[in-house]
PDB file of N, CA and C in Angstrom:
ATOM      1  N   MET A   1     -21.054  36.119  -5.717  1.00  0.00           N
ATOM      2  CA  MET A   1     -20.194  34.948  -5.605  1.00  0.00           C
ATOM      3  C   MET A   1     -20.838  33.780  -6.361  1.00  0.00           C
ATOM      4  N   ASN A   2     -20.088  33.136  -7.201  1.00  0.00           N
ATOM      5  CA  ASN A   2     -20.597  31.988  -7.949  1.00  0.00           C
ATOM      6  C   ASN A   2     -20.525  30.735  -7.100  1.00  0.00           C
ATOM      7  N   LYS A   3     -21.648  30.094  -6.968  1.00  0.00           N
ATOM      8  CA  LYS A   3     -21.689  28.833  -6.229  1.00  0.00           C
ATOM      9  C   LYS A   3     -21.491  27.698  -7.220  1.00  0.00           C
ATOM     10  N   LYS A   4     -20.681  26.708  -6.829  1.00  0.00           N
ATOM     11  CA  LYS A   4     -20.464  25.560  -7.705  1.00  0.00           C
ATOM     12  C   LYS A   4     -21.782  24.856  -7.966  1.00  0.00           C
ATOM     13  N   LYS A   5     -21.929  24.391  -9.203  1.00  0.00           N
ATOM     14  CA  LYS A   5     -23.137  23.650  -9.569  1.00  0.00           C
ATOM     15  C   LYS A   5     -23.137  22.296  -8.864  1.00  0.00           C
ATOM     16  N   GLN A   6     -24.221  22.022  -8.173  1.00  0.00           N
ATOM     17  CA  GLN A   6     -24.367  20.765  -7.432  1.00  0.00           C
ATOM     18  C   GLN A   6     -24.201  19.576  -8.371  1.00  0.00           C
ATOM     19  N   PRO A   7     -23.503  18.513  -7.915  1.00  0.00           N
ATOM     20  CA  PRO A   7     -23.337  17.346  -8.782  1.00  0.00           C
ATOM     21  C   PRO A   7     -24.678  16.655  -9.049  1.00  0.00           C
ATOM     22  N   LEU A   8     -24.830  16.129 -10.247  1.00  0.00           N
ATOM     23  CA  LEU A   8     -26.054  15.409 -10.623  1.00  0.00           C
ATOM     24  C   LEU A   8     -25.867  13.940 -10.271  1.00  0.00           C
ATOM     25  N   LEU A   9     -26.332  13.568  -9.105  1.00  0.00           N
ATOM     26  CA  LEU A   9     -26.140  12.211  -8.600  1.00  0.00           C
ATOM     27  C   LEU A   9     -27.470  11.472  -8.532  1.00  0.00           C
ATOM     28  N   ASN A  10     -27.397  10.165  -8.610  1.00  0.00           N
ATOM     29  CA  ASN A  10     -28.566   9.306  -8.473  1.00  0.00           C
ATOM     30  C   ASN A  10     -29.069   9.414  -7.026  1.00  0.00           C
ATOM     31  N   LYS A  11     -30.300   9.842  -6.861  1.00  0.00           N
ATOM     32  CA  LYS A  11     -30.857  10.016  -5.509  1.00  0.00           C
ATOM     33  C   LYS A  11     -30.954   8.701  -4.745  1.00  0.00           C
ATOM     34  N   GLY A  12     -31.000   7.585  -5.452  1.00  0.00           N
ATOM     35  CA  GLY A  12     -31.074   6.279  -4.810  1.00  0.00           C
ATOM     36  C   GLY A  12     -29.840   5.943  -3.981  1.00  0.00           C
ATOM     37  N   ILE A  13     -28.731   6.564  -4.297  1.00  0.00           N
ATOM     38  CA  ILE A  13     -27.507   6.352  -3.519  1.00  0.00           C
ATOM     39  C   ILE A  13     -27.723   6.832  -2.083  1.00  0.00           C
ATOM     40  N   PHE A  14     -28.529   7.866  -1.946  1.00  0.00           N
ATOM     41  CA  PHE A  14     -28.767   8.501  -0.637  1.00  0.00           C
ATOM     42  C   PHE A  14     -30.173   8.167  -0.148  1.00  0.00           C
ATOM     43  N   TRP A  15     -30.545   6.899  -0.257  1.00  0.00           N
ATOM     44  CA  TRP A  15     -31.883   6.429   0.079  1.00  0.00           C
ATOM     45  C   TRP A  15     -32.276   6.692   1.527  1.00  0.00           C
ATOM     46  N   ASP A  16     -31.297   6.829   2.424  1.00  0.00           N
ATOM     47  CA  ASP A  16     -31.603   6.941   3.852  1.00  0.00           C
ATOM     48  C   ASP A  16     -31.574   8.368   4.385  1.00  0.00           C
ATOM     49  N   VAL A  17     -31.338   9.352   3.520  1.00  0.00           N
ATOM     50  CA  VAL A  17     -31.317  10.758   3.948  1.00  0.00           C
ATOM     51  C   VAL A  17     -32.160  11.581   2.979  1.00  0.00           C
ATOM     52  N   ASN A  18     -32.528  12.788   3.392  1.00  0.00           N
ATOM     53  CA  ASN A  18     -33.277  13.691   2.520  1.00  0.00           C
ATOM     54  C   ASN A  18     -32.295  14.312   1.531  1.00  0.00           C
ATOM     55  N   PHE A  19     -32.336  13.856   0.297  1.00  0.00           N
ATOM     56  CA  PHE A  19     -31.375  14.282  -0.729  1.00  0.00           C
ATOM     57  C   PHE A  19     -31.363  15.797  -0.915  1.00  0.00           C
ATOM     58  N   GLU A  20     -32.536  16.426  -0.897  1.00  0.00           N
ATOM     59  CA  GLU A  20     -32.616  17.869  -1.133  1.00  0.00           C
ATOM     60  C   GLU A  20     -31.949  18.685  -0.031  1.00  0.00           C
ATOM     61  N   GLN A  21     -31.752  18.102   1.145  1.00  0.00           N
ATOM     62  CA  GLN A  21     -31.164  18.841   2.260  1.00  0.00           C
ATOM     63  C   GLN A  21     -29.681  18.545   2.476  1.00  0.00           C
ATOM     64  N   ILE A  22     -29.068  17.765   1.598  1.00  0.00           N
ATOM     65  CA  ILE A  22     -27.644  17.459   1.757  1.00  0.00           C
ATOM     66  C   ILE A  22     -26.825  18.706   1.472  1.00  0.00           C
ATOM     67  N   ASP A  23     -25.943  19.051   2.395  1.00  0.00           N
ATOM     68  CA  ASP A  23     -24.993  20.144   2.185  1.00  0.00           C
ATOM     69  C   ASP A  23     -23.736  19.516   1.581  1.00  0.00           C
ATOM     70  N   PHE A  24     -23.600  19.634   0.267  1.00  0.00           N
ATOM     71  CA  PHE A  24     -22.532  18.935  -0.444  1.00  0.00           C
ATOM     72  C   PHE A  24     -21.134  19.380  -0.032  1.00  0.00           C
ATOM     73  N   ASP A  25     -21.008  20.590   0.495  1.00  0.00           N
ATOM     74  CA  ASP A  25     -19.687  21.055   0.930  1.00  0.00           C
ATOM     75  C   ASP A  25     -19.386  20.633   2.368  1.00  0.00           C
ATOM     76  N   ALA A  26     -20.347  20.791   3.257  1.00  0.00           N
ATOM     77  CA  ALA A  26     -20.134  20.437   4.665  1.00  0.00           C
ATOM     78  C   ALA A  26     -20.041  18.924   4.854  1.00  0.00           C
ATOM     79  N   LYS A  27     -20.749  18.166   4.031  1.00  0.00           N
ATOM     80  CA  LYS A  27     -20.789  16.699   4.156  1.00  0.00           C
ATOM     81  C   LYS A  27     -20.015  16.022   3.027  1.00  0.00           C
ATOM     82  N   ALA A  28     -18.937  16.634   2.586  1.00  0.00           N
ATOM     83  CA  ALA A  28     -18.168  16.122   1.440  1.00  0.00           C
ATOM     84  C   ALA A  28     -17.719  14.681   1.656  1.00  0.00           C
ATOM     85  N   SER A  29     -17.204  14.358   2.827  1.00  0.00           N
ATOM     86  CA  SER A  29     -16.711  12.997   3.073  1.00  0.00           C
ATOM     87  C   SER A  29     -17.841  11.981   2.949  1.00  0.00           C
ATOM     88  N   PHE A  30     -18.980  12.289   3.538  1.00  0.00           N
ATOM     89  CA  PHE A  30     -20.137  11.397   3.458  1.00  0.00           C
ATOM     90  C   PHE A  30     -20.548  11.178   2.005  1.00  0.00           C
ATOM     91  N   VAL A  31     -20.645  12.262   1.249  1.00  0.00           N
ATOM     92  CA  VAL A  31     -21.094  12.175  -0.141  1.00  0.00           C
ATOM     93  C   VAL A  31     -20.098  11.365  -0.973  1.00  0.00           C
ATOM     94  N   ILE A  32     -18.825  11.651  -0.857  1.00  0.00           N
ATOM     95  CA  ILE A  32     -17.807  10.962  -1.653  1.00  0.00           C
ATOM     96  C   ILE A  32     -17.784   9.471  -1.322  1.00  0.00           C
ATOM     97  N   GLU A  33     -17.780   9.137  -0.041  1.00  0.00           N
ATOM     98  CA  GLU A  33     -17.756   7.726   0.358  1.00  0.00           C
ATOM     99  C   GLU A  33     -19.006   7.002  -0.149  1.00  0.00           C
ATOM    100  N   ARG A  34     -20.159   7.631  -0.028  1.00  0.00           N
ATOM    101  CA  ARG A  34     -21.406   7.001  -0.452  1.00  0.00           C
ATOM    102  C   ARG A  34     -21.419   6.804  -1.966  1.00  0.00           C
ATOM    103  N   VAL A  35     -20.950   7.791  -2.713  1.00  0.00           N
ATOM    104  CA  VAL A  35     -20.914   7.667  -4.175  1.00  0.00           C
ATOM    105  C   VAL A  35     -19.985   6.534  -4.581  1.00  0.00           C
ATOM    106  N   PHE A  36     -18.822   6.417  -3.954  1.00  0.00           N
ATOM    107  CA  PHE A  36     -17.904   5.343  -4.316  1.00  0.00           C
ATOM    108  C   PHE A  36     -18.403   3.984  -3.834  1.00  0.00           C
ATOM    109  N   GLU A  37     -19.199   3.969  -2.782  1.00  0.00           N
ATOM    110  CA  GLU A  37     -19.730   2.703  -2.286  1.00  0.00           C
ATOM    111  C   GLU A  37     -20.898   2.200  -3.137  1.00  0.00           C
ATOM    112  N   ARG A  38     -21.770   3.107  -3.590  1.00  0.00           N
ATOM    113  CA  ARG A  38     -23.018   2.690  -4.226  1.00  0.00           C
ATOM    114  C   ARG A  38     -23.262   3.258  -5.624  1.00  0.00           C
ATOM    115  N   GLY A  39     -22.463   4.225  -6.052  1.00  0.00           N
ATOM    116  CA  GLY A  39     -22.731   4.897  -7.319  1.00  0.00           C
ATOM    117  C   GLY A  39     -22.191   4.174  -8.533  1.00  0.00           C
ATOM    118  N   ASP A  40     -22.639   4.625  -9.699  1.00  0.00           N
ATOM    119  CA  ASP A  40     -22.121   4.067 -10.946  1.00  0.00           C
ATOM    120  C   ASP A  40     -21.037   4.995 -11.507  1.00  0.00           C
ATOM    121  N   VAL A  41     -20.556   4.690 -12.693  1.00  0.00           N
ATOM    122  CA  VAL A  41     -19.450   5.445 -13.277  1.00  0.00           C
ATOM    123  C   VAL A  41     -19.800   6.920 -13.433  1.00  0.00           C
ATOM    124  N   GLU A  42     -21.005   7.223 -13.880  1.00  0.00           N
ATOM    125  CA  GLU A  42     -21.389   8.626 -14.074  1.00  0.00           C
ATOM    126  C   GLU A  42     -21.471   9.363 -12.736  1.00  0.00           C
ATOM    127  N   ASP A  43     -21.952   8.703 -11.683  1.00  0.00           N
ATOM    128  CA  ASP A  43     -21.985   9.324 -10.359  1.00  0.00           C
ATOM    129  C   ASP A  43     -20.566   9.658  -9.897  1.00  0.00           C
ATOM    130  N   ILE A  44     -19.639   8.742 -10.133  1.00  0.00           N
ATOM    131  CA  ILE A  44     -18.249   8.960  -9.736  1.00  0.00           C
ATOM    132  C   ILE A  44     -17.647  10.118 -10.527  1.00  0.00           C
ATOM    133  N   ARG A  45     -17.961  10.198 -11.807  1.00  0.00           N
ATOM    134  CA  ARG A  45     -17.480  11.329 -12.625  1.00  0.00           C
ATOM    135  C   ARG A  45     -18.003  12.651 -12.076  1.00  0.00           C
ATOM    136  N   GLN A  46     -19.288  12.686 -11.763  1.00  0.00           N
ATOM    137  CA  GLN A  46     -19.891  13.905 -11.217  1.00  0.00           C
ATOM    138  C   GLN A  46     -19.231  14.300  -9.894  1.00  0.00           C
ATOM    139  N   CYS A  47     -18.970  13.313  -9.073  1.00  0.00           N
ATOM    140  CA  CYS A  47     -18.328  13.543  -7.772  1.00  0.00           C
ATOM    141  C   CYS A  47     -16.916  14.116  -7.959  1.00  0.00           C
ATOM    142  N   ARG A  48     -16.172  13.537  -8.870  1.00  0.00           N
ATOM    143  CA  ARG A  48     -14.814  14.016  -9.138  1.00  0.00           C
ATOM    144  C   ARG A  48     -14.832  15.416  -9.727  1.00  0.00           C
ATOM    145  N   ARG A  49     -15.792  15.703 -10.596  1.00  0.00           N
ATOM    146  CA  ARG A  49     -15.904  17.041 -11.185  1.00  0.00           C
ATOM    147  C   ARG A  49     -16.189  18.082 -10.101  1.00  0.00           C
ATOM    148  N   TYR A  50     -17.085  17.750  -9.194  1.00  0.00           N
ATOM    149  CA  TYR A  50     -17.500  18.702  -8.161  1.00  0.00           C
ATOM    150  C   TYR A  50     -16.410  18.929  -7.109  1.00  0.00           C
ATOM    151  N   TYR A  51     -15.836  17.850  -6.605  1.00  0.00           N
ATOM    152  CA  TYR A  51     -14.882  17.969  -5.499  1.00  0.00           C
ATOM    153  C   TYR A  51     -13.430  18.065  -5.939  1.00  0.00           C
ATOM    154  N   GLY A  52     -13.113  17.565  -7.114  1.00  0.00           N
ATOM    155  CA  GLY A  52     -11.724  17.552  -7.572  1.00  0.00           C
ATOM    156  C   GLY A  52     -11.026  16.286  -7.098  1.00  0.00           C
ATOM    157  N   ASP A  53     -10.070  15.832  -7.885  1.00  0.00           N
ATOM    158  CA  ASP A  53      -9.393  14.566  -7.587  1.00  0.00           C
ATOM    159  C   ASP A  53      -8.629  14.587  -6.269  1.00  0.00           C
ATOM    160  N   GLU A  54      -8.063  15.741  -5.903  1.00  0.00           N
ATOM    161  CA  GLU A  54      -7.291  15.804  -4.657  1.00  0.00           C
ATOM    162  C   GLU A  54      -8.177  15.547  -3.443  1.00  0.00           C
ATOM    163  N   LYS A  55      -9.340  16.186  -3.391  1.00  0.00           N
ATOM    164  CA  LYS A  55     -10.281  16.002  -2.276  1.00  0.00           C
ATOM    165  C   LYS A  55     -10.835  14.578  -2.265  1.00  0.00           C
ATOM    166  N   VAL A  56     -11.198  14.061  -3.426  1.00  0.00           N
ATOM    167  CA  VAL A  56     -11.731  12.704  -3.525  1.00  0.00           C
ATOM    168  C   VAL A  56     -10.692  11.700  -3.027  1.00  0.00           C
ATOM    169  N   THR A  57      -9.452  11.856  -3.461  1.00  0.00           N
ATOM    170  CA  THR A  57      -8.377  10.952  -3.040  1.00  0.00           C
ATOM    171  C   THR A  57      -8.183  11.011  -1.530  1.00  0.00           C
ATOM    172  N   GLN A  58      -8.141  12.208  -0.967  1.00  0.00           N
ATOM    173  CA  GLN A  58      -7.952  12.381   0.479  1.00  0.00           C
ATOM    174  C   GLN A  58      -9.054  11.676   1.266  1.00  0.00           C
ATOM    175  N   VAL A  59     -10.303  11.866   0.850  1.00  0.00           N
ATOM    176  CA  VAL A  59     -11.439  11.248   1.547  1.00  0.00           C
ATOM    177  C   VAL A  59     -11.384   9.727   1.434  1.00  0.00           C
ATOM    178  N   LEU A  60     -11.119   9.208   0.248  1.00  0.00           N
ATOM    179  CA  LEU A  60     -11.094   7.762   0.053  1.00  0.00           C
ATOM    180  C   LEU A  60      -9.949   7.103   0.821  1.00  0.00           C
ATOM    181  N   LEU A  61      -8.805   7.752   0.877  1.00  0.00           N
ATOM    182  CA  LEU A  61      -7.674   7.189   1.621  1.00  0.00           C
ATOM    183  C   LEU A  61      -7.993   7.072   3.109  1.00  0.00           C
ATOM    184  N   ASN A  62      -8.860   7.947   3.618  1.00  0.00           N
ATOM    185  CA  ASN A  62      -9.191   7.959   5.039  1.00  0.00           C
ATOM    186  C   ASN A  62     -10.515   7.293   5.385  1.00  0.00           C
ATOM    187  N   ALA A  63     -11.221   6.770   4.395  1.00  0.00           N
ATOM    188  CA  ALA A  63     -12.524   6.131   4.629  1.00  0.00           C
ATOM    189  C   ALA A  63     -12.349   4.889   5.509  1.00  0.00           C
ATOM    190  N   LYS A  64     -13.262   4.701   6.454  1.00  0.00           N
ATOM    191  CA  LYS A  64     -13.194   3.528   7.336  1.00  0.00           C
ATOM    192  C   LYS A  64     -13.682   2.263   6.653  1.00  0.00           C
ATOM    193  N   PHE A  65     -14.583   2.411   5.667  1.00  0.00           N
ATOM    194  CA  PHE A  65     -15.110   1.221   5.007  1.00  0.00           C
ATOM    195  C   PHE A  65     -15.453   1.496   3.555  1.00  0.00           C
ATOM    196  N   LEU A  66     -15.066   0.576   2.707  1.00  0.00           N
ATOM    197  CA  LEU A  66     -15.545   0.471   1.328  1.00  0.00           C
ATOM    198  C   LEU A  66     -15.621  -1.020   1.024  1.00  0.00           C
ATOM    199  N   PRO A  67     -16.628  -1.460   0.275  1.00  0.00           N
ATOM    200  CA  PRO A  67     -16.652  -2.873  -0.122  1.00  0.00           C
ATOM    201  C   PRO A  67     -15.371  -3.203  -0.893  1.00  0.00           C
ATOM    202  N   GLU A  68     -14.958  -4.448  -0.837  1.00  0.00           N
ATOM    203  CA  GLU A  68     -13.668  -4.825  -1.434  1.00  0.00           C
ATOM    204  C   GLU A  68     -13.565  -4.447  -2.911  1.00  0.00           C
ATOM    205  N   HIS A  69     -14.603  -4.727  -3.697  1.00  0.00           N
ATOM    206  CA  HIS A  69     -14.525  -4.386  -5.120  1.00  0.00           C
ATOM    207  C   HIS A  69     -14.456  -2.877  -5.341  1.00  0.00           C
ATOM    208  N   ARG A  70     -15.012  -2.103  -4.422  1.00  0.00           N
ATOM    209  CA  ARG A  70     -14.953  -0.645  -4.539  1.00  0.00           C
ATOM    210  C   ARG A  70     -13.590  -0.105  -4.099  1.00  0.00           C
ATOM    211  N   MET A  71     -12.901  -0.832  -3.220  1.00  0.00           N
ATOM    212  CA  MET A  71     -11.528  -0.444  -2.875  1.00  0.00           C
ATOM    213  C   MET A  71     -10.646  -0.510  -4.114  1.00  0.00           C
ATOM    214  N   HIS A  72     -10.837  -1.574  -4.899  1.00  0.00           N
ATOM    215  CA  HIS A  72     -10.052  -1.735  -6.126  1.00  0.00           C
ATOM    216  C   HIS A  72     -10.379  -0.615  -7.116  1.00  0.00           C
ATOM    217  N   LEU A  73     -11.651  -0.244  -7.222  1.00  0.00           N
ATOM    218  CA  LEU A  73     -12.053   0.863  -8.085  1.00  0.00           C
ATOM    219  C   LEU A  73     -11.428   2.171  -7.598  1.00  0.00           C
ATOM    220  N   ALA A  74     -11.501   2.419  -6.306  1.00  0.00           N
ATOM    221  CA  ALA A  74     -10.923   3.637  -5.739  1.00  0.00           C
ATOM    222  C   ALA A  74      -9.421   3.691  -5.993  1.00  0.00           C
ATOM    223  N   SER A  75      -8.774   2.547  -5.876  1.00  0.00           N
ATOM    224  CA  SER A  75      -7.337   2.467  -6.151  1.00  0.00           C
ATOM    225  C   SER A  75      -7.048   2.834  -7.601  1.00  0.00           C
ATOM    226  N   ALA A  76      -7.850   2.321  -8.526  1.00  0.00           N
ATOM    227  CA  ALA A  76      -7.653   2.612  -9.946  1.00  0.00           C
ATOM    228  C   ALA A  76      -7.916   4.084 -10.259  1.00  0.00           C
ATOM    229  N   VAL A  77      -8.964   4.648  -9.656  1.00  0.00           N
ATOM    230  CA  VAL A  77      -9.327   6.040  -9.923  1.00  0.00           C
ATOM    231  C   VAL A  77      -8.290   7.005  -9.353  1.00  0.00           C
ATOM    232  N   THR A  78      -7.782   6.716  -8.160  1.00  0.00           N
ATOM    233  CA  THR A  78      -6.854   7.640  -7.500  1.00  0.00           C
ATOM    234  C   THR A  78      -5.396   7.386  -7.842  1.00  0.00           C
ATOM    235  N   GLY A  79      -5.091   6.198  -8.349  1.00  0.00           N
ATOM    236  CA  GLY A  79      -3.697   5.867  -8.643  1.00  0.00           C
ATOM    237  C   GLY A  79      -2.901   5.494  -7.403  1.00  0.00           C
ATOM    238  N   LYS A  80      -3.589   5.211  -6.307  1.00  0.00           N
ATOM    239  CA  LYS A  80      -2.933   4.831  -5.052  1.00  0.00           C
ATOM    240  C   LYS A  80      -2.962   3.314  -4.883  1.00  0.00           C
ATOM    241  N   GLN A  81      -1.982   2.788  -4.167  1.00  0.00           N
ATOM    242  CA  GLN A  81      -1.922   1.359  -3.878  1.00  0.00           C
ATOM    243  C   GLN A  81      -2.978   1.004  -2.831  1.00  0.00           C
ATOM    244  N   LEU A  82      -3.490  -0.230  -2.884  1.00  0.00           N
ATOM    245  CA  LEU A  82      -4.511  -0.669  -1.924  1.00  0.00           C
ATOM    246  C   LEU A  82      -4.065  -0.488  -0.482  1.00  0.00           C
ATOM    247  N   ASN A  83      -2.803  -0.790  -0.193  1.00  0.00           N
ATOM    248  CA  ASN A  83      -2.340  -0.708   1.195  1.00  0.00           C
ATOM    249  C   ASN A  83      -2.246   0.718   1.726  1.00  0.00           C
ATOM    250  N   GLU A  84      -2.487   1.722   0.885  1.00  0.00           N
ATOM    251  CA  GLU A  84      -2.517   3.113   1.345  1.00  0.00           C
ATOM    252  C   GLU A  84      -3.904   3.501   1.872  1.00  0.00           C
ATOM    253  N   PHE A  85      -4.906   2.678   1.602  1.00  0.00           N
ATOM    254  CA  PHE A  85      -6.271   2.987   2.023  1.00  0.00           C
ATOM    255  C   PHE A  85      -6.521   2.501   3.445  1.00  0.00           C
ATOM    256  N   ARG A  86      -7.061   3.372   4.266  1.00  0.00           N
ATOM    257  CA  ARG A  86      -7.369   3.025   5.656  1.00  0.00           C
ATOM    258  C   ARG A  86      -8.331   1.837   5.734  1.00  0.00           C
ATOM    259  N   CYS A  87      -9.332   1.821   4.861  1.00  0.00           N
ATOM    260  CA  CYS A  87     -10.314   0.732   4.902  1.00  0.00           C
ATOM    261  C   CYS A  87      -9.665  -0.609   4.567  1.00  0.00           C
ATOM    262  N   TYR A  88      -8.667  -0.609   3.703  1.00  0.00           N
ATOM    263  CA  TYR A  88      -7.955  -1.847   3.372  1.00  0.00           C
ATOM    264  C   TYR A  88      -7.166  -2.328   4.581  1.00  0.00           C
ATOM    265  N   THR A  89      -6.475  -1.420   5.243  1.00  0.00           N
ATOM    266  CA  THR A  89      -5.687  -1.765   6.432  1.00  0.00           C
ATOM    267  C   THR A  89      -6.591  -2.284   7.543  1.00  0.00           C
ATOM    268  N   LEU A  90      -7.718  -1.604   7.780  1.00  0.00           N
ATOM    269  CA  LEU A  90      -8.655  -2.043   8.813  1.00  0.00           C
ATOM    270  C   LEU A  90      -9.206  -3.428   8.501  1.00  0.00           C
ATOM    271  N   ARG A  91      -9.461  -3.690   7.230  1.00  0.00           N
ATOM    272  CA  ARG A  91      -9.979  -4.995   6.813  1.00  0.00           C
ATOM    273  C   ARG A  91      -8.942  -6.090   7.088  1.00  0.00           C
ATOM    274  N   GLN A  92      -7.667  -5.794   6.870  1.00  0.00           N
ATOM    275  CA  GLN A  92      -6.607  -6.768   7.121  1.00  0.00           C
ATOM    276  C   GLN A  92      -6.438  -7.037   8.616  1.00  0.00           C
ATOM    277  N   LEU A  93      -6.626  -6.000   9.423  1.00  0.00           N
ATOM    278  CA  LEU A  93      -6.460  -6.136  10.870  1.00  0.00           C
ATOM    279  C   LEU A  93      -7.635  -6.857  11.533  1.00  0.00           C
ATOM    280  N   ASN A  94      -8.819  -6.787  10.923  1.00  0.00           N
ATOM    281  CA  ASN A  94     -10.029  -7.351  11.520  1.00  0.00           C
ATOM    282  C   ASN A  94     -10.764  -8.246  10.527  1.00  0.00           C
ATOM    283  N   PRO A  95     -10.153  -9.305  10.082  1.00  0.00           N
ATOM    284  CA  PRO A  95     -10.813 -10.126   9.055  1.00  0.00           C
ATOM    285  C   PRO A  95     -12.114 -10.768   9.514  1.00  0.00           C
ATOM    286  N   GLY A  96     -12.293 -10.967  10.798  1.00  0.00           N
ATOM    287  CA  GLY A  96     -13.517 -11.561  11.300  1.00  0.00           C
ATOM    288  C   GLY A  96     -14.725 -10.662  11.234  1.00  0.00           C
ATOM    289  N   LEU A  97     -14.514  -9.360  11.073  1.00  0.00           N
ATOM    290  CA  LEU A  97     -15.625  -8.415  11.043  1.00  0.00           C
ATOM    291  C   LEU A  97     -16.363  -8.389   9.708  1.00  0.00           C
ATOM    292  N   PHE A  98     -15.765  -8.958   8.672  1.00  0.00           N
ATOM    293  CA  PHE A  98     -16.347  -8.891   7.342  1.00  0.00           C
ATOM    294  C   PHE A  98     -16.620 -10.310   6.839  1.00  0.00           C
ATOM    295  N   PRO A  99     -17.805 -10.836   7.068  1.00  0.00           N
ATOM    296  CA  PRO A  99     -18.114 -12.223   6.726  1.00  0.00           C
ATOM    297  C   PRO A  99     -18.418 -12.440   5.256  1.00  0.00           C
ATOM    298  N   TYR A 100     -18.168 -11.487   4.373  1.00  0.00           N
ATOM    299  CA  TYR A 100     -18.489 -11.621   2.944  1.00  0.00           C
ATOM    300  C   TYR A 100     -17.544 -12.571   2.253  1.00  0.00           C
TER     301      TYR A 100
END
């Protein structure tokens, strides 16, 4: 059985976990959200190549949090409107929680 080649991501994105022990398939949501929150363009490309646009879009639409500028990036990458993202809706409902 051919195993998909692990994405080549900047290890600094995952500064708080042991990068070598990440299960990229079991922890797909964590990896995708973290890459979109902290990664650069090449990290995002690698993530999309590994998981596919459908999986990336599904995870981003259901993410509880993304920084505002990254929500706009996610919207551009997925082709979805901002109001379709859970993190955007949560931000609108709880404006006091985000003092930025």
